N, C-alpha and C. Protein backbone atom coordinates (compact mmCIF):
# COMPACT_ATOMS: atom_id res chain seq x y z
N MET A 1 -0.29 -0.25 -5.37
CA MET A 1 0.08 -1.95 -5.70
C MET A 1 0.04 -1.99 -6.92
N ARG A 2 -1.31 -2.67 -7.20
CA ARG A 2 -1.80 -2.85 -8.76
C ARG A 2 -1.17 -2.54 -9.72
N ALA A 3 -0.64 -1.22 -9.46
CA ALA A 3 -0.31 -0.54 -10.62
C ALA A 3 0.86 -1.02 -10.96
N PHE A 4 2.17 -1.53 -10.10
CA PHE A 4 3.81 -1.62 -9.97
C PHE A 4 3.25 -3.00 -10.34
N VAL A 5 2.53 -3.84 -9.87
CA VAL A 5 2.62 -5.20 -10.29
C VAL A 5 2.03 -5.69 -12.25
N ARG A 6 1.07 -4.28 -12.48
CA ARG A 6 0.71 -4.85 -13.57
C ARG A 6 1.86 -4.14 -14.38
N ALA A 7 2.71 -3.39 -14.10
CA ALA A 7 3.56 -2.72 -14.87
C ALA A 7 4.92 -4.19 -14.99
N GLY A 8 4.84 -5.03 -14.49
CA GLY A 8 6.00 -6.49 -14.28
C GLY A 8 6.71 -6.00 -12.82
N ALA A 9 6.73 -5.08 -11.93
CA ALA A 9 7.12 -5.05 -10.89
C ALA A 9 7.09 -6.27 -10.50
N ARG A 10 7.80 -6.46 -8.83
CA ARG A 10 7.39 -7.80 -7.84
C ARG A 10 7.56 -7.73 -6.50
N VAL A 11 6.15 -7.16 -6.16
CA VAL A 11 6.31 -7.04 -4.64
C VAL A 11 5.81 -8.04 -3.80
N VAL A 12 6.49 -7.71 -2.37
CA VAL A 12 6.94 -8.23 -1.32
C VAL A 12 5.71 -7.46 -0.16
N PHE A 13 4.71 -7.46 0.37
CA PHE A 13 3.78 -6.79 1.18
C PHE A 13 3.86 -7.06 2.72
N GLY A 14 3.45 -6.12 3.19
CA GLY A 14 2.81 -6.92 4.23
C GLY A 14 1.30 -6.11 4.79
N ASP A 15 0.56 -6.64 5.71
CA ASP A 15 -0.67 -6.37 6.14
C ASP A 15 -1.37 -7.16 7.50
N CYS A 16 -1.63 -6.51 8.69
CA CYS A 16 -2.28 -7.22 10.09
C CYS A 16 -3.31 -7.76 9.20
N ASP A 17 -4.22 -7.40 7.99
CA ASP A 17 -5.34 -8.22 7.61
C ASP A 17 -5.14 -9.44 6.80
N ALA A 18 -4.87 -10.20 6.85
CA ALA A 18 -4.94 -11.54 5.70
C ALA A 18 -5.73 -11.62 4.69
N GLU A 19 -7.39 -11.05 4.81
CA GLU A 19 -7.78 -11.35 4.07
C GLU A 19 -7.93 -9.84 2.95
N SER A 20 -7.34 -8.95 3.19
CA SER A 20 -6.66 -8.05 1.92
C SER A 20 -5.90 -8.58 0.86
N ALA A 21 -4.52 -9.24 1.81
CA ALA A 21 -3.98 -10.23 0.68
C ALA A 21 -4.71 -10.88 -0.19
N HIS A 22 -5.84 -11.56 0.17
CA HIS A 22 -6.58 -12.25 -0.47
C HIS A 22 -7.12 -11.71 -1.22
N ASP A 23 -7.95 -10.43 -1.28
CA ASP A 23 -8.87 -9.69 -2.08
C ASP A 23 -7.91 -8.89 -3.20
N LEU A 24 -6.35 -8.77 -2.95
CA LEU A 24 -5.40 -8.10 -4.15
C LEU A 24 -5.09 -9.47 -4.77
N ARG A 25 -5.03 -10.88 -4.36
CA ARG A 25 -4.48 -11.50 -5.45
C ARG A 25 -5.69 -11.82 -6.35
N SER A 26 -6.80 -12.10 -6.02
CA SER A 26 -8.35 -11.61 -6.35
C SER A 26 -8.13 -11.05 -7.87
N VAL A 27 -7.64 -9.58 -7.24
CA VAL A 27 -7.85 -8.52 -8.69
C VAL A 27 -6.73 -8.47 -9.14
N LEU A 28 -5.69 -8.85 -8.91
CA LEU A 28 -4.43 -9.51 -9.85
C LEU A 28 -4.49 -10.30 -10.91
N GLY A 29 -5.03 -11.63 -10.38
CA GLY A 29 -5.63 -12.87 -11.48
C GLY A 29 -4.00 -13.35 -11.54
N LYS A 30 -3.61 -13.24 -13.12
CA LYS A 30 -2.31 -13.70 -12.77
C LYS A 30 -1.22 -13.28 -12.79
N ASP A 31 -1.12 -11.93 -12.65
CA ASP A 31 0.09 -11.16 -12.40
C ASP A 31 0.22 -11.71 -11.07
N ALA A 32 -0.86 -11.92 -9.78
CA ALA A 32 -0.89 -12.28 -8.42
C ALA A 32 0.45 -13.49 -8.12
N ALA A 33 1.12 -14.32 -8.99
CA ALA A 33 2.83 -14.76 -9.11
C ALA A 33 3.36 -13.86 -8.56
N ARG A 34 3.33 -12.44 -8.84
CA ARG A 34 4.67 -11.59 -8.94
C ARG A 34 4.11 -10.89 -7.12
N VAL A 35 2.83 -11.28 -6.54
CA VAL A 35 3.08 -10.81 -5.11
C VAL A 35 3.66 -11.75 -4.20
N VAL A 36 4.12 -11.18 -3.11
CA VAL A 36 4.23 -12.42 -1.79
C VAL A 36 3.87 -11.42 -0.78
N PHE A 37 2.81 -12.07 0.12
CA PHE A 37 2.42 -11.46 1.32
C PHE A 37 2.93 -11.90 2.32
N VAL A 38 2.96 -11.41 3.07
CA VAL A 38 3.38 -11.35 5.08
C VAL A 38 2.77 -10.98 5.75
N PRO A 39 1.80 -11.16 6.48
CA PRO A 39 1.15 -10.61 7.60
C PRO A 39 1.98 -10.08 8.74
N ALA A 40 1.75 -9.04 8.73
CA ALA A 40 2.72 -8.25 9.57
C ALA A 40 1.89 -7.06 10.41
N ASP A 41 2.57 -6.78 11.88
CA ASP A 41 2.01 -5.66 12.63
C ASP A 41 3.55 -4.70 12.84
N PHE A 42 3.19 -3.63 11.88
CA PHE A 42 4.36 -2.97 11.84
C PHE A 42 4.48 -1.97 12.68
N ALA A 43 3.87 -2.45 13.69
CA ALA A 43 4.13 -1.25 14.77
C ALA A 43 5.01 -2.30 15.47
N ARG A 44 4.95 -4.07 15.57
CA ARG A 44 5.87 -4.62 16.29
C ARG A 44 7.61 -4.53 15.30
N GLU A 45 8.43 -4.62 16.13
CA GLU A 45 10.10 -4.47 15.95
C GLU A 45 10.71 -5.79 15.21
N ASP A 46 9.77 -6.56 15.11
CA ASP A 46 10.22 -8.08 14.31
C ASP A 46 9.37 -7.52 12.50
N ALA A 47 8.61 -6.64 12.43
CA ALA A 47 8.21 -6.84 11.07
C ALA A 47 8.85 -6.92 9.78
N TRP A 48 9.44 -5.87 10.30
CA TRP A 48 10.41 -5.46 8.58
C TRP A 48 11.15 -6.28 8.25
N PRO A 49 11.71 -6.92 9.39
CA PRO A 49 13.10 -8.21 9.34
C PRO A 49 12.34 -9.51 8.75
N SER A 50 11.20 -9.52 9.48
CA SER A 50 10.60 -10.98 9.01
C SER A 50 9.72 -10.80 7.40
N LEU A 51 9.37 -9.16 6.57
CA LEU A 51 9.26 -9.35 5.21
C LEU A 51 10.32 -9.45 4.85
N CYS A 52 11.50 -8.78 4.50
CA CYS A 52 12.88 -9.01 4.11
C CYS A 52 12.95 -10.15 4.44
N LYS A 53 13.24 -11.47 4.97
CA LYS A 53 13.25 -12.31 5.12
C LYS A 53 12.35 -13.25 4.02
N ALA A 54 11.44 -12.84 3.65
CA ALA A 54 10.06 -13.93 3.16
C ALA A 54 10.70 -13.09 1.30
N LEU A 55 11.47 -12.20 1.39
CA LEU A 55 12.02 -12.05 0.11
C LEU A 55 12.41 -13.54 -0.82
N PRO A 56 11.72 -13.60 -2.14
CA PRO A 56 12.09 -14.91 -3.01
C PRO A 56 13.97 -14.95 -3.36
N PRO A 57 14.51 -15.70 -3.28
CA PRO A 57 15.79 -15.81 -4.04
C PRO A 57 15.83 -15.39 -5.07
N GLY A 58 16.90 -14.29 -5.29
CA GLY A 58 16.84 -13.05 -6.69
C GLY A 58 15.90 -11.72 -6.94
N TRP A 59 15.06 -11.82 -5.87
CA TRP A 59 14.21 -10.42 -5.64
C TRP A 59 14.78 -9.97 -5.03
N ASN A 60 15.53 -8.80 -5.85
CA ASN A 60 16.08 -7.72 -5.25
C ASN A 60 15.57 -6.18 -4.89
N PRO A 61 15.23 -5.98 -3.24
CA PRO A 61 14.49 -4.38 -3.62
C PRO A 61 15.27 -3.14 -4.14
N THR A 62 14.17 -2.54 -5.10
CA THR A 62 15.04 -0.88 -5.40
C THR A 62 14.16 -0.03 -4.56
N MET A 63 12.43 -0.45 -4.35
CA MET A 63 11.84 0.31 -3.43
C MET A 63 11.00 0.15 -2.10
N VAL A 64 11.18 1.10 -1.64
CA VAL A 64 10.24 0.38 0.10
C VAL A 64 9.16 1.20 -0.18
N VAL A 65 8.08 1.02 0.07
CA VAL A 65 7.13 1.93 0.81
C VAL A 65 6.81 1.63 2.20
N SER A 66 6.88 2.60 2.81
CA SER A 66 6.24 2.90 4.48
C SER A 66 4.43 3.28 4.30
N ASN A 67 3.65 2.55 4.20
CA ASN A 67 2.33 2.82 3.90
C ASN A 67 1.52 2.71 5.03
N VAL A 68 1.83 3.01 6.54
CA VAL A 68 1.27 2.43 7.20
C VAL A 68 0.20 3.94 8.06
N GLY A 69 -0.88 3.63 8.79
CA GLY A 69 -1.00 4.76 9.36
C GLY A 69 -2.20 4.36 10.22
N VAL A 70 -2.63 5.17 11.28
CA VAL A 70 -3.95 4.44 12.06
C VAL A 70 -3.94 6.13 12.17
N GLY A 71 -5.58 6.43 12.35
CA GLY A 71 -5.84 7.57 13.01
C GLY A 71 -6.31 7.30 14.26
N ASN A 72 -6.73 8.69 14.80
CA ASN A 72 -7.18 9.12 16.28
C ASN A 72 -8.39 10.25 16.62
N ASP A 73 -9.21 10.12 16.92
CA ASP A 73 -10.26 11.08 17.25
C ASP A 73 -10.47 11.36 18.69
N GLY A 74 -9.89 12.68 19.81
CA GLY A 74 -10.14 12.99 20.41
C GLY A 74 -10.05 13.90 20.99
N ALA A 75 -10.13 14.70 22.24
CA ALA A 75 -9.72 15.92 22.69
C ALA A 75 -8.18 15.62 23.78
N ILE A 76 -7.50 16.34 23.48
CA ILE A 76 -6.21 15.90 24.13
C ILE A 76 -6.43 15.57 25.38
N GLU A 77 -7.14 16.10 25.92
CA GLU A 77 -7.06 16.12 28.26
C GLU A 77 -7.82 14.35 27.83
N LYS A 78 -8.38 13.79 26.72
CA LYS A 78 -8.77 12.47 26.79
C LYS A 78 -8.46 11.21 26.35
N ILE A 79 -7.21 11.75 25.98
CA ILE A 79 -6.09 10.63 24.91
C ILE A 79 -5.70 9.52 26.23
N PRO A 80 -5.77 8.42 26.22
CA PRO A 80 -4.73 7.95 27.23
C PRO A 80 -3.09 7.80 26.71
N VAL A 81 -2.23 7.96 27.31
CA VAL A 81 -0.72 7.86 27.17
C VAL A 81 -0.49 6.56 26.30
N ALA A 82 -1.50 5.63 26.75
CA ALA A 82 -1.22 3.72 25.73
C ALA A 82 -1.56 4.33 24.34
N THR A 83 -3.08 4.98 24.04
CA THR A 83 -3.20 5.52 22.98
C THR A 83 -2.31 6.32 22.09
N TYR A 84 -1.68 6.81 22.90
CA TYR A 84 -0.44 7.73 22.37
C TYR A 84 0.79 6.94 21.59
N GLU A 85 0.88 6.42 22.68
CA GLU A 85 2.34 5.08 21.81
C GLU A 85 1.84 4.17 20.99
N ARG A 86 1.01 3.81 21.01
CA ARG A 86 0.48 2.56 19.97
C ARG A 86 0.54 3.58 18.58
N LEU A 87 -0.25 4.86 18.47
CA LEU A 87 0.05 5.61 16.90
C LEU A 87 1.56 6.15 16.81
N HIS A 88 2.07 6.31 17.71
CA HIS A 88 3.88 6.97 17.15
C HIS A 88 4.16 4.98 16.71
N ALA A 89 3.75 4.30 17.64
CA ALA A 89 4.34 3.15 16.82
C ALA A 89 3.84 2.49 15.53
N ILE A 90 3.04 2.92 15.57
CA ILE A 90 2.42 2.43 14.05
C ILE A 90 3.24 3.60 13.00
N ASN A 91 2.34 4.37 13.54
CA ASN A 91 2.51 5.58 12.12
C ASN A 91 3.69 6.41 12.13
N GLN A 92 4.59 6.16 12.89
CA GLN A 92 6.17 6.81 13.12
C GLN A 92 7.26 5.58 13.17
N ARG A 93 6.95 4.89 14.07
CA ARG A 93 8.37 4.07 14.57
C ARG A 93 8.30 3.05 13.83
N SER A 94 7.24 2.68 12.80
CA SER A 94 6.77 1.24 11.60
C SER A 94 7.95 1.95 10.43
N ALA A 95 8.10 2.88 10.19
CA ALA A 95 8.57 3.74 8.87
C ALA A 95 10.11 3.77 9.30
N TRP A 96 10.73 4.20 10.66
CA TRP A 96 12.02 3.71 11.24
C TRP A 96 12.47 2.74 10.90
N LEU A 97 11.96 2.05 11.69
CA LEU A 97 11.92 0.31 11.55
C LEU A 97 12.11 0.02 9.88
N ALA A 98 11.45 0.52 9.07
CA ALA A 98 11.31 0.19 7.59
C ALA A 98 12.47 0.10 7.04
N ALA A 99 12.81 1.70 7.11
CA ALA A 99 14.33 1.93 6.84
C ALA A 99 15.59 1.22 7.68
N GLN A 100 15.56 1.14 8.76
CA GLN A 100 16.50 0.58 9.18
C GLN A 100 16.89 -1.02 8.49
N ALA A 101 15.44 -1.50 8.23
CA ALA A 101 15.75 -3.05 7.88
C ALA A 101 16.14 -3.00 6.68
N THR A 102 15.53 -1.97 5.55
CA THR A 102 15.54 -2.31 4.25
C THR A 102 16.65 -1.40 3.62
N ALA A 103 17.50 -0.48 4.54
CA ALA A 103 18.51 0.13 3.76
C ALA A 103 19.99 -0.69 3.27
N PRO A 104 20.26 -1.57 4.30
CA PRO A 104 20.74 -2.24 3.38
C PRO A 104 20.62 -2.98 1.99
N TYR A 105 19.55 -3.39 1.78
CA TYR A 105 19.28 -4.41 0.79
C TYR A 105 19.28 -3.17 -0.30
N LEU A 106 18.80 -2.12 0.20
CA LEU A 106 18.76 -0.70 -1.25
C LEU A 106 20.24 -0.72 -1.03
N LYS A 107 21.18 -0.40 -0.62
CA LYS A 107 23.04 -0.23 -0.70
C LYS A 107 23.24 -0.97 -1.40
N LYS A 108 23.17 -2.81 -1.10
CA LYS A 108 23.37 -3.71 -1.90
C LYS A 108 23.25 -3.81 -3.29
N ASN A 109 21.95 -3.21 -3.61
CA ASN A 109 21.81 -3.44 -5.26
C ASN A 109 22.41 -1.74 -5.67
N GLY A 110 23.17 -1.29 -4.58
CA GLY A 110 23.60 0.31 -6.19
C GLY A 110 22.32 1.37 -5.63
N GLY A 111 21.43 1.20 -4.85
CA GLY A 111 20.43 2.02 -4.16
C GLY A 111 19.54 2.06 -4.64
N GLY A 112 18.57 2.94 -4.62
CA GLY A 112 16.70 2.67 -4.77
C GLY A 112 16.37 3.98 -4.49
N ALA A 113 14.94 3.56 -3.87
CA ALA A 113 14.07 4.60 -3.23
C ALA A 113 13.50 4.24 -2.06
N MET A 114 13.06 5.01 -0.89
CA MET A 114 12.10 5.18 0.43
C MET A 114 11.22 5.89 -0.11
N VAL A 115 9.87 5.62 -0.11
CA VAL A 115 8.61 6.26 0.56
C VAL A 115 7.88 5.83 1.54
N PHE A 116 7.76 7.31 2.25
CA PHE A 116 7.07 7.32 3.50
C PHE A 116 5.49 7.82 3.07
N ILE A 117 4.62 7.59 3.20
CA ILE A 117 3.54 8.17 3.45
C ILE A 117 2.80 8.72 4.66
N GLY A 118 2.57 10.45 4.60
CA GLY A 118 2.41 11.05 5.46
C GLY A 118 1.19 11.16 5.81
N SER A 119 0.62 12.70 6.03
CA SER A 119 -0.52 13.35 5.95
C SER A 119 -0.33 14.72 5.53
N VAL A 120 -1.09 15.41 5.03
CA VAL A 120 -0.98 17.24 4.33
C VAL A 120 -2.09 17.63 6.10
N MET A 121 -2.48 16.88 7.02
CA MET A 121 -3.09 17.22 8.38
C MET A 121 -1.91 18.24 9.27
N GLN A 122 -0.65 17.58 8.60
CA GLN A 122 0.48 17.79 9.83
C GLN A 122 1.06 19.19 9.55
N ARG A 123 0.59 20.37 8.52
CA ARG A 123 0.86 21.42 7.45
C ARG A 123 -0.17 22.20 8.27
N PHE A 124 -1.42 21.79 8.35
CA PHE A 124 -2.48 22.71 8.71
C PHE A 124 -3.57 22.42 10.28
N GLY A 125 -3.06 21.05 10.59
CA GLY A 125 -3.84 20.72 12.30
C GLY A 125 -5.20 20.89 11.66
N CYS A 126 -5.61 19.99 12.88
CA CYS A 126 -6.73 19.72 12.80
C CYS A 126 -7.36 19.11 14.37
N PRO A 127 -8.53 19.65 14.91
CA PRO A 127 -8.90 19.46 16.59
C PRO A 127 -9.15 18.29 16.32
N ARG A 128 -9.04 17.32 17.80
CA ARG A 128 -8.97 16.07 17.82
C ARG A 128 -8.12 15.22 17.25
N GLN A 129 -6.97 15.69 16.61
CA GLN A 129 -6.43 14.38 16.17
C GLN A 129 -5.14 15.05 16.20
N SER A 130 -4.51 15.45 17.86
CA SER A 130 -3.14 15.56 18.29
C SER A 130 -2.59 14.90 17.66
N VAL A 131 -2.87 13.71 18.10
CA VAL A 131 -1.51 12.30 18.20
C VAL A 131 -1.30 12.28 16.68
N TYR A 132 -2.37 12.01 15.87
CA TYR A 132 -2.19 11.21 14.73
C TYR A 132 -1.54 12.52 13.92
N ILE A 133 -1.37 13.57 14.03
CA ILE A 133 -0.69 14.55 13.43
C ILE A 133 0.30 14.87 13.59
N THR A 134 1.12 14.52 15.06
CA THR A 134 2.30 14.50 15.40
C THR A 134 3.16 13.38 15.21
N THR A 135 2.53 12.13 14.48
CA THR A 135 2.89 10.85 14.13
C THR A 135 3.36 11.01 12.57
N LYS A 136 2.48 11.75 11.99
CA LYS A 136 3.00 12.28 10.76
C LYS A 136 3.75 13.36 10.28
N ALA A 137 4.05 14.26 11.32
CA ALA A 137 4.67 15.24 10.72
C ALA A 137 6.41 14.64 11.25
N ALA A 138 6.29 13.94 12.27
CA ALA A 138 7.82 13.18 12.31
C ALA A 138 8.48 12.72 11.29
N LEU A 139 7.65 12.49 10.57
CA LEU A 139 8.07 11.46 9.22
C LEU A 139 8.94 12.44 8.57
N SER A 140 8.10 13.89 8.11
CA SER A 140 8.62 14.94 7.28
C SER A 140 9.96 14.49 7.92
N GLY A 141 10.37 14.99 9.38
CA GLY A 141 11.99 15.01 9.80
C GLY A 141 12.48 13.45 9.55
N LEU A 142 11.72 12.74 9.76
CA LEU A 142 12.70 11.08 9.47
C LEU A 142 13.33 11.15 8.10
N THR A 143 12.05 11.72 7.01
CA THR A 143 12.23 11.90 5.48
C THR A 143 13.52 12.77 5.02
N ARG A 144 14.11 14.06 5.94
CA ARG A 144 14.61 14.96 5.70
C ARG A 144 16.20 14.30 6.06
N ALA A 145 16.36 14.03 7.34
CA ALA A 145 17.35 13.18 8.24
C ALA A 145 17.95 11.87 6.74
N LEU A 146 17.15 11.43 6.41
CA LEU A 146 17.42 10.09 6.04
C LEU A 146 17.20 10.63 4.70
N ALA A 147 17.17 11.34 3.77
CA ALA A 147 17.66 12.07 2.98
C ALA A 147 18.95 12.25 2.65
N ILE A 148 19.67 12.43 3.55
CA ILE A 148 20.83 13.37 3.22
C ILE A 148 22.00 12.21 4.02
N GLU A 149 21.50 11.04 4.87
CA GLU A 149 22.53 10.24 5.36
C GLU A 149 22.39 9.15 4.71
N LEU A 150 21.40 8.65 3.44
CA LEU A 150 21.15 7.50 2.65
C LEU A 150 21.49 8.40 1.49
N ALA A 151 21.69 9.49 1.12
CA ALA A 151 21.76 9.65 -0.32
C ALA A 151 23.58 9.42 -1.48
N PRO A 152 24.40 9.32 -0.63
CA PRO A 152 25.88 8.61 -1.27
C PRO A 152 25.70 7.49 -1.42
N ALA A 153 24.51 6.69 -0.78
CA ALA A 153 24.39 5.15 -1.35
C ALA A 153 23.61 5.34 -2.27
N ARG A 154 22.83 6.19 -2.87
CA ARG A 154 22.03 6.66 -4.16
C ARG A 154 21.18 5.97 -3.59
N ILE A 155 20.11 6.18 -2.84
CA ILE A 155 19.07 6.05 -1.59
C ILE A 155 18.43 7.26 -2.09
N ARG A 156 17.08 6.96 -2.80
CA ARG A 156 15.91 8.70 -2.42
C ARG A 156 15.28 8.35 -1.55
N VAL A 157 14.78 9.23 -0.56
CA VAL A 157 14.15 9.12 0.59
C VAL A 157 13.10 10.36 0.16
N ASN A 158 11.78 10.06 -0.07
CA ASN A 158 10.58 11.08 -0.01
C ASN A 158 9.58 10.60 0.96
N CYS A 159 8.82 11.61 1.35
CA CYS A 159 7.60 11.62 1.94
C CYS A 159 6.44 12.22 0.89
N VAL A 160 5.46 11.72 0.79
CA VAL A 160 3.94 11.92 0.32
C VAL A 160 3.02 12.31 1.41
N LEU A 161 2.40 13.45 0.88
CA LEU A 161 1.54 14.03 1.88
C LEU A 161 -0.10 14.09 1.19
N PRO A 162 -0.82 12.73 1.20
CA PRO A 162 -2.08 13.03 1.03
C PRO A 162 -2.83 13.78 1.66
N GLY A 163 -4.21 14.02 1.06
CA GLY A 163 -5.34 14.54 1.60
C GLY A 163 -6.25 13.72 2.90
N PHE A 164 -7.33 14.07 2.71
CA PHE A 164 -8.21 12.77 3.72
C PHE A 164 -8.57 11.57 2.28
N ILE A 165 -8.43 10.24 2.81
CA ILE A 165 -8.53 8.94 1.79
C ILE A 165 -9.62 8.24 2.72
N LEU A 166 -10.62 8.17 2.28
CA LEU A 166 -11.41 7.04 2.61
C LEU A 166 -11.36 5.80 2.90
N THR A 167 -11.35 4.87 3.97
CA THR A 167 -10.57 3.70 3.47
C THR A 167 -11.01 2.95 4.99
N ASP A 168 -11.70 1.81 5.46
CA ASP A 168 -11.92 0.94 6.39
C ASP A 168 -10.90 0.09 7.26
N PRO A 169 -11.05 0.11 8.34
CA PRO A 169 -10.02 -0.31 8.94
C PRO A 169 -9.95 -2.02 9.00
N PRO A 170 -9.06 -2.59 9.27
CA PRO A 170 -9.35 -4.08 8.96
C PRO A 170 -10.17 -4.48 10.21
N SER A 171 -10.50 -5.32 9.87
CA SER A 171 -11.52 -5.97 10.41
C SER A 171 -11.31 -6.71 12.04
N ASN A 172 -9.91 -6.90 11.49
CA ASN A 172 -9.11 -7.73 12.77
C ASN A 172 -8.46 -6.35 14.10
N PHE A 173 -8.62 -4.86 13.11
CA PHE A 173 -8.06 -3.94 14.12
C PHE A 173 -8.50 -3.38 15.02
N ARG A 174 -7.63 -3.11 15.85
CA ARG A 174 -8.14 -3.13 17.05
C ARG A 174 -7.23 -1.65 17.84
N LEU A 175 -7.60 -0.73 18.50
CA LEU A 175 -6.56 0.68 18.72
C LEU A 175 -6.79 0.29 20.32
N ARG A 176 -5.58 0.06 21.11
CA ARG A 176 -5.60 -0.31 22.61
C ARG A 176 -4.80 0.21 23.34
């Protein structure tokens, strides 16, 4: 996100960790004026519409990035259904909700781009990661379907499959 802002882009972003927004503003310095933060739990149905409503006047989105994800670690027979459902809500349904909420804005602007962040693990598998992998694999199917559906509106849809990225979960995050 820093690269986009430093290149002159205006950014609206959400996170369940408000501290990360403060940290980003500190790093950006004077460029922070082009960043709007909206507290959001993207597993919730209202998160993306709230983010869209926070667009300042004249800010017309041309790119949407859904970079939401959380992993799990557990043997298949020990994963509670509630964990399965929460990971699907965070990792997969949130991307679908992003597309649903933002496609009208991109269409109104004559096109743009949607990018979902998947995982290379969907290609290879990994023990004790069955739920995470299925959620990220679902993003590839969503990407293919939306790429065809939104192409006539000049909206490109892509899914990036990064490898392992070491990050700390937000201090207030609890997987239920």
